[in-house]
Amino acid sequence: MLHTGRQKAERGDHREAIQDFDRVLGQEPQNAEAYYERGVAYRRLQDYSQALADLNQAILFNPNMGEAYYNRGLIRFKVKDYQRAVEDYSKALEFNAEAAEFYHNRSLARRKLGDYEGASSDYKKALDLNPNYRYIHKEVTTHKQRMGADDFYERGLVKMEKGDYKGALEELNQALRMDTDLAPCYFDRAKVRLAIGDEVGGVDDLRKAADLFLEIGDTERCDQVAEVLKMQRFRDV
């Protein structure tokens, strides 16, 4: 039943998957895997309260489940509990220190807390761990230094967090001139453009980001972009 639930979740049938995990827990009320899988399913349905409760139970019954800490971190970031998100990502890294995605998400949470140095360090670690990661990009040489698209992207994110939208836009534009396939940069430039009232440019960037995320198989981020697009259309009605 647990395997069947996982298959349904992989197909996106999260509500049906939850029913299977319910049955497993009815028979095995301390099954950490079932709590974890159900928690992830609830997270994907954006039922963060129930997801958090299930992941807490998963960790209670199996404190060595790194992915449970990571997913709990994702939820805590979503509800703006950035400090505890950092703690969960850090705990997840104790079990898998080679997970580029863990470092990347901890970077985002640290940036929200104003820890720009820590955020930059995590961001660069994510790049180092996975040379094929979509946050690693081409380099150009100037007469003074070698600057990569990821460097401009990182600087743009820092300026965006500080509210320097004009400066952020310049950095993000440069990153995209160097690498036109930088999906996260389109997503973040969309946020900047929407913040300064450029709705047409923002929506264009959102569509481009969604296409690129879909192309590389990052369905979770594609869904995030789609949600922002939906909210934007709703505001325009």
C-alpha atoms as a PDB file:
ATOM      1  CA  MET A   1       0.000   0.000   0.000  1.00  0.00           C
ATOM      2  CA  LEU A   2       2.897   2.356   0.748  1.00  0.00           C
ATOM      3  CA  HIS A   3       4.398   1.617  -2.663  1.00  0.00           C
ATOM      4  CA  THR A   4       1.044   2.198  -4.365  1.00  0.00           C
ATOM      5  CA  GLY A   5       0.686   5.524  -2.598  1.00  0.00           C
ATOM      6  CA  ARG A   6       4.123   6.584  -3.757  1.00  0.00           C
ATOM      7  CA  GLN A   7       3.245   5.721  -7.344  1.00  0.00           C
ATOM      8  CA  LYS A   8       0.083   7.807  -7.145  1.00  0.00           C
ATOM      9  CA  ALA A   9       2.020  10.716  -5.644  1.00  0.00           C
ATOM     10  CA  GLU A  10       4.569  10.514  -8.468  1.00  0.00           C
ATOM     11  CA  ARG A  11       1.703  10.828 -10.950  1.00  0.00           C
ATOM     12  CA  GLY A  12       0.434  13.879  -9.087  1.00  0.00           C
ATOM     13  CA  ASP A  13      -2.579  12.078  -7.584  1.00  0.00           C
ATOM     14  CA  HIS A  14      -1.805  13.387  -4.108  1.00  0.00           C
ATOM     15  CA  ARG A  15      -5.270  13.077  -2.607  1.00  0.00           C
ATOM     16  CA  GLU A  16      -5.552   9.431  -3.629  1.00  0.00           C
ATOM     17  CA  ALA A  17      -2.014   8.831  -2.387  1.00  0.00           C
ATOM     18  CA  ILE A  18      -2.963  10.280   0.997  1.00  0.00           C
ATOM     19  CA  GLN A  19      -5.781   7.748   1.267  1.00  0.00           C
ATOM     20  CA  ASP A  20      -3.264   4.929   0.766  1.00  0.00           C
ATOM     21  CA  PHE A  21      -0.935   6.402   3.394  1.00  0.00           C
ATOM     22  CA  ASP A  22      -3.928   6.701   5.736  1.00  0.00           C
ATOM     23  CA  ARG A  23      -4.534   2.970   5.367  1.00  0.00           C
ATOM     24  CA  VAL A  24      -0.904   2.173   6.108  1.00  0.00           C
ATOM     25  CA  LEU A  25      -0.984   4.317   9.245  1.00  0.00           C
ATOM     26  CA  GLY A  26      -4.226   2.693  10.310  1.00  0.00           C
ATOM     27  CA  GLN A  27      -2.350  -0.602  10.456  1.00  0.00           C
ATOM     28  CA  GLU A  28       1.074   0.759  11.461  1.00  0.00           C
ATOM     29  CA  PRO A  29       0.604   3.958  13.480  1.00  0.00           C
ATOM     30  CA  GLN A  30       4.347   4.410  13.961  1.00  0.00           C
ATOM     31  CA  ASN A  31       5.384   4.007  10.321  1.00  0.00           C
ATOM     32  CA  ALA A  32       7.774   6.928   9.762  1.00  0.00           C
ATOM     33  CA  GLU A  33       7.871   6.429   5.985  1.00  0.00           C
ATOM     34  CA  ALA A  34       4.088   6.688   5.713  1.00  0.00           C
ATOM     35  CA  TYR A  35       4.064   9.883   7.766  1.00  0.00           C
ATOM     36  CA  TYR A  36       6.844  11.275   5.586  1.00  0.00           C
ATOM     37  CA  GLU A  37       5.130  10.415   2.306  1.00  0.00           C
ATOM     38  CA  ARG A  38       1.798  11.762   3.492  1.00  0.00           C
ATOM     39  CA  GLY A  39       3.502  14.921   4.727  1.00  0.00           C
ATOM     40  CA  VAL A  40       5.093  15.495   1.325  1.00  0.00           C
ATOM     41  CA  ALA A  41       1.734  14.910  -0.371  1.00  0.00           C
ATOM     42  CA  TYR A  42       0.067  17.459   1.907  1.00  0.00           C
ATOM     43  CA  ARG A  43       2.893  19.904   1.198  1.00  0.00           C
ATOM     44  CA  ARG A  44       2.307  19.587  -2.525  1.00  0.00           C
ATOM     45  CA  LEU A  45      -1.375  20.301  -1.897  1.00  0.00           C
ATOM     46  CA  GLN A  46      -0.264  23.376   0.090  1.00  0.00           C
ATOM     47  CA  ASP A  47      -1.874  22.067   3.285  1.00  0.00           C
ATOM     48  CA  TYR A  48       1.123  23.191   5.300  1.00  0.00           C
ATOM     49  CA  SER A  49      -0.380  22.660   8.736  1.00  0.00           C
ATOM     50  CA  GLN A  50      -1.116  18.980   8.103  1.00  0.00           C
ATOM     51  CA  ALA A  51       2.166  18.519   6.241  1.00  0.00           C
ATOM     52  CA  LEU A  52       4.114  19.927   9.156  1.00  0.00           C
ATOM     53  CA  ALA A  53       2.286  17.689  11.621  1.00  0.00           C
ATOM     54  CA  ASP A  54       3.069  14.583   9.538  1.00  0.00           C
ATOM     55  CA  LEU A  55       6.730  15.451   9.061  1.00  0.00           C
ATOM     56  CA  ASN A  56       7.061  16.056  12.788  1.00  0.00           C
ATOM     57  CA  GLN A  57       5.728  12.554  13.351  1.00  0.00           C
ATOM     58  CA  ALA A  58       8.065  11.094  10.735  1.00  0.00           C
ATOM     59  CA  ILE A  59      11.040  12.667  12.501  1.00  0.00           C
ATOM     60  CA  LEU A  60       9.753  11.542  15.889  1.00  0.00           C
ATOM     61  CA  PHE A  61       9.637   7.905  14.771  1.00  0.00           C
ATOM     62  CA  ASN A  62      12.808   8.127  12.666  1.00  0.00           C
ATOM     63  CA  PRO A  63      15.148  10.994  13.659  1.00  0.00           C
ATOM     64  CA  ASN A  64      17.621   9.916  10.959  1.00  0.00           C
ATOM     65  CA  MET A  65      15.373  10.743   8.007  1.00  0.00           C
ATOM     66  CA  GLY A  66      17.230  13.605   6.334  1.00  0.00           C
ATOM     67  CA  GLU A  67      14.616  14.183   3.636  1.00  0.00           C
ATOM     68  CA  ALA A  68      11.986  14.767   6.325  1.00  0.00           C
ATOM     69  CA  TYR A  69      14.027  17.630   7.772  1.00  0.00           C
ATOM     70  CA  TYR A  70      14.524  19.041   4.286  1.00  0.00           C
ATOM     71  CA  ASN A  71      10.822  18.960   3.448  1.00  0.00           C
ATOM     72  CA  ARG A  72       9.963  20.452   6.816  1.00  0.00           C
ATOM     73  CA  GLY A  73      12.434  23.207   5.999  1.00  0.00           C
ATOM     74  CA  LEU A  74      10.611  23.871   2.731  1.00  0.00           C
ATOM     75  CA  ILE A  75       7.358  24.308   4.636  1.00  0.00           C
ATOM     76  CA  ARG A  76       8.903  26.545   7.275  1.00  0.00           C
ATOM     77  CA  PHE A  77      10.366  28.717   4.533  1.00  0.00           C
ATOM     78  CA  LYS A  78       6.950  28.880   2.877  1.00  0.00           C
ATOM     79  CA  VAL A  79       5.317  30.114   6.098  1.00  0.00           C
ATOM     80  CA  LYS A  80       8.210  32.588   6.613  1.00  0.00           C
ATOM     81  CA  ASP A  81       9.719  30.791   9.602  1.00  0.00           C
ATOM     82  CA  TYR A  82      13.161  31.363   8.113  1.00  0.00           C
ATOM     83  CA  GLN A  83      15.288  30.673  11.190  1.00  0.00           C
ATOM     84  CA  ARG A  84      13.816  27.225  11.741  1.00  0.00           C
ATOM     85  CA  ALA A  85      13.985  26.571   8.005  1.00  0.00           C
ATOM     86  CA  VAL A  86      17.751  27.140   8.215  1.00  0.00           C
ATOM     87  CA  GLU A  87      17.911  24.755  11.178  1.00  0.00           C
ATOM     88  CA  ASP A  88      16.049  22.049   9.261  1.00  0.00           C
ATOM     89  CA  TYR A  89      18.200  22.430   6.134  1.00  0.00           C
ATOM     90  CA  SER A  90      21.304  22.256   8.325  1.00  0.00           C
ATOM     91  CA  LYS A  91      20.025  19.074   9.960  1.00  0.00           C
ATOM     92  CA  ALA A  92      19.234  17.572   6.557  1.00  0.00           C
ATOM     93  CA  LEU A  93      22.806  18.308   5.463  1.00  0.00           C
ATOM     94  CA  GLU A  94      24.100  16.229   8.370  1.00  0.00           C
ATOM     95  CA  PHE A  95      22.623  13.212   6.592  1.00  0.00           C
ATOM     96  CA  ASN A  96      23.492  14.252   3.043  1.00  0.00           C
ATOM     97  CA  ALA A  97      26.273  16.810   2.780  1.00  0.00           C
ATOM     98  CA  GLU A  98      26.384  16.453  -1.021  1.00  0.00           C
ATOM     99  CA  ALA A  99      22.859  17.688  -1.731  1.00  0.00           C
ATOM    100  CA  ALA A 100      23.176  20.855  -3.801  1.00  0.00           C
ATOM    101  CA  GLU A 101      19.472  21.591  -3.406  1.00  0.00           C
ATOM    102  CA  PHE A 102      19.803  21.632   0.386  1.00  0.00           C
ATOM    103  CA  TYR A 103      22.510  24.271   0.204  1.00  0.00           C
ATOM    104  CA  HIS A 104      20.554  26.302  -2.323  1.00  0.00           C
ATOM    105  CA  ASN A 105      17.434  26.414  -0.182  1.00  0.00           C
ATOM    106  CA  ARG A 106      19.417  27.212   2.952  1.00  0.00           C
ATOM    107  CA  SER A 107      20.942  30.068   0.965  1.00  0.00           C
ATOM    108  CA  LEU A 108      17.462  31.454   0.266  1.00  0.00           C
ATOM    109  CA  ALA A 109      16.469  31.239   3.936  1.00  0.00           C
ATOM    110  CA  ARG A 110      19.702  32.837   5.116  1.00  0.00           C
ATOM    111  CA  ARG A 111      19.206  35.664   2.664  1.00  0.00           C
ATOM    112  CA  LYS A 112      15.751  36.287   4.126  1.00  0.00           C
ATOM    113  CA  LEU A 113      17.381  36.587   7.549  1.00  0.00           C
ATOM    114  CA  GLY A 114      19.875  39.123   6.235  1.00  0.00           C
ATOM    115  CA  ASP A 115      22.788  36.687   6.451  1.00  0.00           C
ATOM    116  CA  TYR A 116      24.139  37.591   3.019  1.00  0.00           C
ATOM    117  CA  GLU A 117      27.590  36.152   3.677  1.00  0.00           C
ATOM    118  CA  GLY A 118      26.167  32.796   4.718  1.00  0.00           C
ATOM    119  CA  ALA A 119      23.732  32.864   1.814  1.00  0.00           C
ATOM    120  CA  SER A 120      26.526  33.505  -0.664  1.00  0.00           C
ATOM    121  CA  SER A 121      28.627  30.707   0.818  1.00  0.00           C
ATOM    122  CA  ASP A 122      25.751  28.222   0.538  1.00  0.00           C
ATOM    123  CA  TYR A 123      24.966  29.335  -2.985  1.00  0.00           C
ATOM    124  CA  LYS A 124      28.550  28.779  -4.105  1.00  0.00           C
ATOM    125  CA  LYS A 125      28.627  25.387  -2.349  1.00  0.00           C
ATOM    126  CA  ALA A 126      25.541  24.340  -4.331  1.00  0.00           C
ATOM    127  CA  LEU A 127      27.375  25.292  -7.519  1.00  0.00           C
ATOM    128  CA  ASP A 128      30.510  23.428  -6.504  1.00  0.00           C
ATOM    129  CA  LEU A 129      28.598  20.235  -5.751  1.00  0.00           C
ATOM    130  CA  ASN A 130      26.791  19.946  -9.042  1.00  0.00           C
ATOM    131  CA  PRO A 131      28.512  21.208 -12.202  1.00  0.00           C
ATOM    132  CA  ASN A 132      25.354  20.450 -14.198  1.00  0.00           C
ATOM    133  CA  TYR A 133      23.101  22.311 -11.792  1.00  0.00           C
ATOM    134  CA  ARG A 134      21.066  25.054 -13.420  1.00  0.00           C
ATOM    135  CA  TYR A 135      22.657  27.635 -11.156  1.00  0.00           C
ATOM    136  CA  ILE A 136      26.085  27.164 -12.758  1.00  0.00           C
ATOM    137  CA  HIS A 137      26.704  29.222 -15.809  1.00  0.00           C
ATOM    138  CA  LYS A 138      29.141  30.416 -18.414  1.00  0.00           C
ATOM    139  CA  GLU A 139      32.031  32.693 -17.569  1.00  0.00           C
ATOM    140  CA  VAL A 140      33.383  35.725 -19.384  1.00  0.00           C
ATOM    141  CA  THR A 141      36.759  37.348 -18.990  1.00  0.00           C
ATOM    142  CA  THR A 142      37.239  41.074 -18.411  1.00  0.00           C
ATOM    143  CA  HIS A 143      40.504  42.907 -18.145  1.00  0.00           C
ATOM    144  CA  LYS A 144      40.188  42.813 -14.343  1.00  0.00           C
ATOM    145  CA  GLN A 145      38.466  39.565 -13.387  1.00  0.00           C
ATOM    146  CA  ARG A 146      36.481  36.546 -14.505  1.00  0.00           C
ATOM    147  CA  MET A 147      32.805  36.969 -13.757  1.00  0.00           C
ATOM    148  CA  GLY A 148      30.222  34.254 -14.341  1.00  0.00           C
ATOM    149  CA  ALA A 149      26.490  34.589 -14.854  1.00  0.00           C
ATOM    150  CA  ASP A 150      25.994  33.010 -11.446  1.00  0.00           C
ATOM    151  CA  ASP A 151      28.020  35.840  -9.864  1.00  0.00           C
ATOM    152  CA  PHE A 152      25.769  38.493 -11.400  1.00  0.00           C
ATOM    153  CA  TYR A 153      22.709  36.472 -10.450  1.00  0.00           C
ATOM    154  CA  GLU A 154      23.879  36.221  -6.833  1.00  0.00           C
ATOM    155  CA  ARG A 155      24.599  39.947  -6.666  1.00  0.00           C
ATOM    156  CA  GLY A 156      21.180  40.650  -8.131  1.00  0.00           C
ATOM    157  CA  LEU A 157      19.501  38.532  -5.445  1.00  0.00           C
ATOM    158  CA  VAL A 158      21.332  40.385  -2.680  1.00  0.00           C
ATOM    159  CA  LYS A 159      20.299  43.773  -4.106  1.00  0.00           C
ATOM    160  CA  MET A 160      16.729  42.559  -4.521  1.00  0.00           C
ATOM    161  CA  GLU A 161      16.561  41.547  -0.851  1.00  0.00           C
ATOM    162  CA  LYS A 162      17.858  44.978   0.130  1.00  0.00           C
ATOM    163  CA  GLY A 163      15.150  46.680  -1.939  1.00  0.00           C
ATOM    164  CA  ASP A 164      17.547  48.013  -4.560  1.00  0.00           C
ATOM    165  CA  TYR A 165      15.375  46.999  -7.495  1.00  0.00           C
ATOM    166  CA  LYS A 166      17.168  49.154 -10.053  1.00  0.00           C
ATOM    167  CA  GLY A 167      20.530  47.655  -9.114  1.00  0.00           C
ATOM    168  CA  ALA A 168      19.051  44.166  -8.961  1.00  0.00           C
ATOM    169  CA  LEU A 169      17.583  44.535 -12.434  1.00  0.00           C
ATOM    170  CA  GLU A 170      20.954  45.565 -13.858  1.00  0.00           C
ATOM    171  CA  GLU A 171      22.676  42.531 -12.316  1.00  0.00           C
ATOM    172  CA  LEU A 172      19.973  40.087 -13.389  1.00  0.00           C
ATOM    173  CA  ASN A 173      19.943  41.512 -16.907  1.00  0.00           C
ATOM    174  CA  GLN A 174      23.688  40.944 -17.128  1.00  0.00           C
ATOM    175  CA  ALA A 175      23.329  37.375 -15.873  1.00  0.00           C
ATOM    176  CA  LEU A 176      20.746  36.641 -18.561  1.00  0.00           C
ATOM    177  CA  ARG A 177      22.851  38.244 -21.268  1.00  0.00           C
ATOM    178  CA  MET A 178      25.558  35.737 -20.348  1.00  0.00           C
ATOM    179  CA  ASP A 179      23.256  32.738 -20.031  1.00  0.00           C
ATOM    180  CA  THR A 180      19.830  32.832 -21.643  1.00  0.00           C
ATOM    181  CA  ASP A 181      18.864  29.466 -20.125  1.00  0.00           C
ATOM    182  CA  LEU A 182      19.081  30.626 -16.502  1.00  0.00           C
ATOM    183  CA  ALA A 183      15.566  29.712 -15.372  1.00  0.00           C
ATOM    184  CA  PRO A 184      15.802  30.894 -11.727  1.00  0.00           C
ATOM    185  CA  CYS A 185      17.074  34.268 -12.879  1.00  0.00           C
ATOM    186  CA  TYR A 186      14.013  34.795 -15.086  1.00  0.00           C
ATOM    187  CA  PHE A 187      11.832  33.918 -12.101  1.00  0.00           C
ATOM    188  CA  ASP A 188      13.597  36.417  -9.833  1.00  0.00           C
ATOM    189  CA  ARG A 189      13.752  39.113 -12.504  1.00  0.00           C
ATOM    190  CA  ALA A 190       9.993  38.672 -12.878  1.00  0.00           C
ATOM    191  CA  LYS A 191       9.606  39.452  -9.162  1.00  0.00           C
ATOM    192  CA  VAL A 192      11.701  42.599  -9.557  1.00  0.00           C
ATOM    193  CA  ARG A 193       9.773  43.735 -12.625  1.00  0.00           C
ATOM    194  CA  LEU A 194       6.436  43.162 -10.933  1.00  0.00           C
ATOM    195  CA  ALA A 195       7.674  45.061  -7.868  1.00  0.00           C
ATOM    196  CA  ILE A 196       8.494  48.126  -9.969  1.00  0.00           C
ATOM    197  CA  GLY A 197       5.225  47.958 -11.912  1.00  0.00           C
ATOM    198  CA  ASP A 198       6.483  46.352 -15.133  1.00  0.00           C
ATOM    199  CA  GLU A 199       3.677  43.799 -15.362  1.00  0.00           C
ATOM    200  CA  VAL A 200       4.224  42.968 -19.041  1.00  0.00           C
ATOM    201  CA  GLY A 201       7.933  42.271 -18.531  1.00  0.00           C
ATOM    202  CA  GLY A 202       7.228  40.373 -15.322  1.00  0.00           C
ATOM    203  CA  VAL A 203       4.696  38.065 -16.951  1.00  0.00           C
ATOM    204  CA  ASP A 204       7.033  37.479 -19.914  1.00  0.00           C
ATOM    205  CA  ASP A 205       9.784  36.434 -17.508  1.00  0.00           C
ATOM    206  CA  LEU A 206       7.425  34.145 -15.602  1.00  0.00           C
ATOM    207  CA  ARG A 207       6.430  32.374 -18.812  1.00  0.00           C
ATOM    208  CA  LYS A 208      10.065  31.978 -19.842  1.00  0.00           C
ATOM    209  CA  ALA A 209      10.997  30.619 -16.409  1.00  0.00           C
ATOM    210  CA  ALA A 210       8.124  28.119 -16.506  1.00  0.00           C
ATOM    211  CA  ASP A 211       9.179  26.863 -19.944  1.00  0.00           C
ATOM    212  CA  LEU A 212      12.812  26.421 -18.859  1.00  0.00           C
ATOM    213  CA  PHE A 213      11.942  24.707 -15.571  1.00  0.00           C
ATOM    214  CA  LEU A 214       9.680  22.319 -17.468  1.00  0.00           C
ATOM    215  CA  GLU A 215      12.433  21.666 -19.994  1.00  0.00           C
ATOM    216  CA  ILE A 216      14.894  20.571 -17.293  1.00  0.00           C
ATOM    217  CA  GLY A 217      12.267  18.515 -15.466  1.00  0.00           C
ATOM    218  CA  ASP A 218      12.008  20.776 -12.405  1.00  0.00           C
ATOM    219  CA  THR A 219       8.257  20.379 -12.032  1.00  0.00           C
ATOM    220  CA  GLU A 220       8.159  21.759  -8.493  1.00  0.00           C
ATOM    221  CA  ARG A 221       9.582  25.126  -9.489  1.00  0.00           C
ATOM    222  CA  CYS A 222       7.471  25.102 -12.641  1.00  0.00           C
ATOM    223  CA  ASP A 223       4.429  24.772 -10.385  1.00  0.00           C
ATOM    224  CA  GLN A 224       5.659  27.656  -8.234  1.00  0.00           C
ATOM    225  CA  VAL A 225       5.953  29.898 -11.287  1.00  0.00           C
ATOM    226  CA  ALA A 226       2.530  28.806 -12.510  1.00  0.00           C
ATOM    227  CA  GLU A 227       1.050  29.769  -9.147  1.00  0.00           C
ATOM    228  CA  VAL A 228       2.536  33.268  -9.390  1.00  0.00           C
ATOM    229  CA  LEU A 229       1.227  33.582 -12.946  1.00  0.00           C
ATOM    230  CA  LYS A 230      -2.229  32.557 -11.778  1.00  0.00           C
ATOM    231  CA  MET A 231      -2.172  35.155  -9.003  1.00  0.00           C
ATOM    232  CA  GLN A 232      -1.053  37.809 -11.482  1.00  0.00           C
ATOM    233  CA  ARG A 233      -3.898  36.997 -13.865  1.00  0.00           C
ATOM    234  CA  PHE A 234      -6.340  37.131 -10.947  1.00  0.00           C
ATOM    235  CA  ARG A 235      -5.141  40.641 -10.033  1.00  0.00           C
ATOM    236  CA  ASP A 236      -5.550  41.757 -13.648  1.00  0.00           C
ATOM    237  CA  VAL A 237      -9.206  40.663 -13.779  1.00  0.00           C
END
